[in-house]
Amino acid sequence: MTNKHRYKQEILIMIGNDHTTAQLLHQKLRRIYPSIGLWTVYRNLTELVDEWKLMKTNGLTEHTIYERIKPSHGHVICKLSNRIFDINIDMIDLSWIEFPQGFTLEDLHISFKGNFGDGPDSCKGKVST
């Protein structure tokens, strides 16, 4: 197995069901592969996104977020801790929205930002999915 395939496999294992950044993955990967560069991590993340194994989302936090491809879902972001939680959005009724004629909705991104309490540890114990 080539290093490229090892890196991709390790990235998918490290992400699991979490939301993460290239910087955090780079820190974790360097424990296993001390010479891996941040650019290599970005290149492998881009390939995994192109292969539909990961989803890339901008705007949830100050960094680009990567997560496994999942069914439609929204996000709850704790502003104090930057933890991101998935929420089910299947029950959202979009029938009241008047889209321009000829427009076909292909993707929907819904996120809610707030906090669970008074400090960065306030969302500990909450289950992120």
C-alpha atoms as a PDB file:
ATOM      1  CA  MET A   1       0.000   0.000   0.000  1.00  0.00           C
ATOM      2  CA  THR A   2       1.374   3.420  -0.937  1.00  0.00           C
ATOM      3  CA  ASN A   3       1.750   6.258   1.586  1.00  0.00           C
ATOM      4  CA  LYS A   4      -1.019   8.116  -0.249  1.00  0.00           C
ATOM      5  CA  HIS A   5      -3.462   5.260   0.381  1.00  0.00           C
ATOM      6  CA  ARG A   6      -2.279   4.911   3.984  1.00  0.00           C
ATOM      7  CA  TYR A   7      -2.807   8.622   4.584  1.00  0.00           C
ATOM      8  CA  LYS A   8      -6.316   8.521   3.121  1.00  0.00           C
ATOM      9  CA  GLN A   9      -7.227   5.444   5.120  1.00  0.00           C
ATOM     10  CA  GLU A  10      -5.873   6.984   8.324  1.00  0.00           C
ATOM     11  CA  ILE A  11      -7.725  10.265   7.672  1.00  0.00           C
ATOM     12  CA  LEU A  12     -11.040   8.434   7.294  1.00  0.00           C
ATOM     13  CA  ILE A  13     -10.396   6.498  10.518  1.00  0.00           C
ATOM     14  CA  MET A  14      -9.399   9.643  12.419  1.00  0.00           C
ATOM     15  CA  ILE A  15     -12.451  11.604  11.269  1.00  0.00           C
ATOM     16  CA  GLY A  16     -14.881   8.829  12.165  1.00  0.00           C
ATOM     17  CA  ASN A  17     -18.214  10.595  12.754  1.00  0.00           C
ATOM     18  CA  ASP A  18     -16.639  13.843  13.937  1.00  0.00           C
ATOM     19  CA  HIS A  19     -16.177  17.226  12.321  1.00  0.00           C
ATOM     20  CA  THR A  20     -12.538  18.267  12.024  1.00  0.00           C
ATOM     21  CA  THR A  21     -10.085  20.619  10.334  1.00  0.00           C
ATOM     22  CA  ALA A  22      -7.000  19.993   8.218  1.00  0.00           C
ATOM     23  CA  GLN A  23      -4.878  21.495  10.991  1.00  0.00           C
ATOM     24  CA  LEU A  24      -6.188  19.089  13.634  1.00  0.00           C
ATOM     25  CA  LEU A  25      -5.793  16.113  11.302  1.00  0.00           C
ATOM     26  CA  HIS A  26      -2.237  17.220  10.538  1.00  0.00           C
ATOM     27  CA  GLN A  27      -1.401  17.271  14.266  1.00  0.00           C
ATOM     28  CA  LYS A  28      -2.827  13.757  14.725  1.00  0.00           C
ATOM     29  CA  LEU A  29      -1.194  12.341  11.589  1.00  0.00           C
ATOM     30  CA  ARG A  30       2.231  13.682  12.611  1.00  0.00           C
ATOM     31  CA  ARG A  31       2.136  11.364  15.620  1.00  0.00           C
ATOM     32  CA  ILE A  32       2.107   8.419  13.193  1.00  0.00           C
ATOM     33  CA  TYR A  33       3.914   9.972  10.206  1.00  0.00           C
ATOM     34  CA  PRO A  34       6.309  12.609  11.670  1.00  0.00           C
ATOM     35  CA  SER A  35       7.382  13.945   8.256  1.00  0.00           C
ATOM     36  CA  ILE A  36       3.885  14.475   6.789  1.00  0.00           C
ATOM     37  CA  GLY A  37       3.304  18.051   5.707  1.00  0.00           C
ATOM     38  CA  LEU A  38       0.164  20.132   5.986  1.00  0.00           C
ATOM     39  CA  TRP A  39       0.034  20.416   2.179  1.00  0.00           C
ATOM     40  CA  THR A  40      -0.074  16.594   1.925  1.00  0.00           C
ATOM     41  CA  VAL A  41      -3.009  16.526   4.342  1.00  0.00           C
ATOM     42  CA  TYR A  42      -4.862  19.159   2.290  1.00  0.00           C
ATOM     43  CA  ARG A  43      -4.180  17.274  -0.956  1.00  0.00           C
ATOM     44  CA  ASN A  44      -5.503  14.012   0.497  1.00  0.00           C
ATOM     45  CA  LEU A  45      -8.564  15.747   1.961  1.00  0.00           C
ATOM     46  CA  THR A  46      -9.298  17.292  -1.446  1.00  0.00           C
ATOM     47  CA  GLU A  47      -9.048  13.881  -3.106  1.00  0.00           C
ATOM     48  CA  LEU A  48     -11.363  12.333  -0.497  1.00  0.00           C
ATOM     49  CA  VAL A  49     -13.885  15.123  -1.133  1.00  0.00           C
ATOM     50  CA  ASP A  50     -13.585  14.563  -4.908  1.00  0.00           C
ATOM     51  CA  GLU A  51     -14.151  10.820  -4.323  1.00  0.00           C
ATOM     52  CA  TRP A  52     -17.342  11.609  -2.331  1.00  0.00           C
ATOM     53  CA  LYS A  53     -15.927  10.079   0.860  1.00  0.00           C
ATOM     54  CA  LEU A  54     -15.762  13.381   2.741  1.00  0.00           C
ATOM     55  CA  MET A  55     -17.783  16.579   2.770  1.00  0.00           C
ATOM     56  CA  LYS A  56     -16.088  19.975   2.992  1.00  0.00           C
ATOM     57  CA  THR A  57     -17.995  22.845   4.624  1.00  0.00           C
ATOM     58  CA  ASN A  58     -16.941  26.473   4.932  1.00  0.00           C
ATOM     59  CA  GLY A  59     -18.448  29.074   7.224  1.00  0.00           C
ATOM     60  CA  LEU A  60     -19.358  26.957  10.261  1.00  0.00           C
ATOM     61  CA  THR A  61     -16.239  28.073  12.133  1.00  0.00           C
ATOM     62  CA  GLU A  62     -13.191  30.117  11.148  1.00  0.00           C
ATOM     63  CA  HIS A  63     -11.668  26.969   9.561  1.00  0.00           C
ATOM     64  CA  THR A  64     -12.899  24.682   6.793  1.00  0.00           C
ATOM     65  CA  ILE A  65     -14.614  21.645   8.321  1.00  0.00           C
ATOM     66  CA  TYR A  66     -14.381  18.091   6.988  1.00  0.00           C
ATOM     67  CA  GLU A  67     -16.751  15.256   7.835  1.00  0.00           C
ATOM     68  CA  ARG A  68     -17.877  11.941   6.375  1.00  0.00           C
ATOM     69  CA  ILE A  69     -20.617  12.015   3.740  1.00  0.00           C
ATOM     70  CA  LYS A  70     -23.932  11.601   5.579  1.00  0.00           C
ATOM     71  CA  PRO A  71     -27.625  11.950   4.719  1.00  0.00           C
ATOM     72  CA  SER A  72     -28.981  15.500   4.722  1.00  0.00           C
ATOM     73  CA  HIS A  73     -28.404  17.105   8.070  1.00  0.00           C
ATOM     74  CA  GLY A  74     -27.890  20.476   9.679  1.00  0.00           C
ATOM     75  CA  HIS A  75     -25.413  21.674  12.268  1.00  0.00           C
ATOM     76  CA  VAL A  76     -25.550  23.157  15.737  1.00  0.00           C
ATOM     77  CA  ILE A  77     -22.328  25.000  16.566  1.00  0.00           C
ATOM     78  CA  CYS A  78     -21.346  25.875  20.128  1.00  0.00           C
ATOM     79  CA  LYS A  79     -19.615  29.250  19.755  1.00  0.00           C
ATOM     80  CA  LEU A  80     -17.787  28.847  23.068  1.00  0.00           C
ATOM     81  CA  SER A  81     -16.171  25.486  22.326  1.00  0.00           C
ATOM     82  CA  ASN A  82     -16.425  25.327  18.494  1.00  0.00           C
ATOM     83  CA  ARG A  83     -17.927  21.830  18.817  1.00  0.00           C
ATOM     84  CA  ILE A  84     -20.276  20.921  15.998  1.00  0.00           C
ATOM     85  CA  PHE A  85     -23.288  18.642  16.374  1.00  0.00           C
ATOM     86  CA  ASP A  86     -25.373  17.114  13.580  1.00  0.00           C
ATOM     87  CA  ILE A  87     -29.143  17.554  13.601  1.00  0.00           C
ATOM     88  CA  ASN A  88     -31.833  15.885  11.503  1.00  0.00           C
ATOM     89  CA  ILE A  89     -33.448  18.293   9.026  1.00  0.00           C
ATOM     90  CA  ASP A  90     -35.735  15.831   7.239  1.00  0.00           C
ATOM     91  CA  MET A  91     -38.849  17.345   8.797  1.00  0.00           C
ATOM     92  CA  ILE A  92     -38.196  20.923   7.629  1.00  0.00           C
ATOM     93  CA  ASP A  93     -41.020  22.084   5.362  1.00  0.00           C
ATOM     94  CA  LEU A  94     -39.653  24.049   2.405  1.00  0.00           C
ATOM     95  CA  SER A  95     -42.979  24.242   0.556  1.00  0.00           C
ATOM     96  CA  TRP A  96     -43.588  27.833   1.724  1.00  0.00           C
ATOM     97  CA  ILE A  97     -40.384  29.099   0.066  1.00  0.00           C
ATOM     98  CA  GLU A  98     -40.964  30.662  -3.350  1.00  0.00           C
ATOM     99  CA  PHE A  99     -37.887  29.827  -5.390  1.00  0.00           C
ATOM    100  CA  PRO A 100     -37.305  31.716  -8.656  1.00  0.00           C
ATOM    101  CA  GLN A 101     -38.907  30.117 -11.696  1.00  0.00           C
ATOM    102  CA  GLY A 102     -36.745  27.329 -13.111  1.00  0.00           C
ATOM    103  CA  PHE A 103     -34.688  26.941  -9.928  1.00  0.00           C
ATOM    104  CA  THR A 104     -34.102  23.384  -8.700  1.00  0.00           C
ATOM    105  CA  LEU A 105     -32.879  22.979  -5.126  1.00  0.00           C
ATOM    106  CA  GLU A 106     -29.926  20.568  -5.078  1.00  0.00           C
ATOM    107  CA  ASP A 107     -28.386  21.162  -1.685  1.00  0.00           C
ATOM    108  CA  LEU A 108     -29.329  22.779   1.589  1.00  0.00           C
ATOM    109  CA  HIS A 109     -27.068  23.957   4.409  1.00  0.00           C
ATOM    110  CA  ILE A 110     -28.649  24.859   7.742  1.00  0.00           C
ATOM    111  CA  SER A 111     -26.644  25.787  10.805  1.00  0.00           C
ATOM    112  CA  PHE A 112     -27.491  27.248  14.181  1.00  0.00           C
ATOM    113  CA  LYS A 113     -24.847  29.016  16.274  1.00  0.00           C
ATOM    114  CA  GLY A 114     -25.166  29.549  19.999  1.00  0.00           C
ATOM    115  CA  ASN A 115     -23.885  28.050  23.206  1.00  0.00           C
ATOM    116  CA  PHE A 116     -24.846  25.537  25.835  1.00  0.00           C
ATOM    117  CA  GLY A 117     -23.882  27.586  28.862  1.00  0.00           C
ATOM    118  CA  ASP A 118     -21.354  29.948  30.329  1.00  0.00           C
ATOM    119  CA  GLY A 119     -17.981  28.524  29.297  1.00  0.00           C
ATOM    120  CA  PRO A 120     -16.066  26.510  26.711  1.00  0.00           C
ATOM    121  CA  ASP A 121     -16.663  23.285  28.670  1.00  0.00           C
ATOM    122  CA  SER A 122     -20.438  23.812  28.762  1.00  0.00           C
ATOM    123  CA  CYS A 123     -21.154  21.423  25.896  1.00  0.00           C
ATOM    124  CA  LYS A 124     -19.190  18.541  27.429  1.00  0.00           C
ATOM    125  CA  GLY A 125     -21.423  15.565  27.834  1.00  0.00           C
ATOM    126  CA  LYS A 126     -23.521  16.570  24.835  1.00  0.00           C
ATOM    127  CA  VAL A 127     -23.520  13.933  22.152  1.00  0.00           C
ATOM    128  CA  SER A 128     -22.227  15.009  18.750  1.00  0.00           C
ATOM    129  CA  THR A 129     -23.310  12.714  15.934  1.00  0.00           C
END
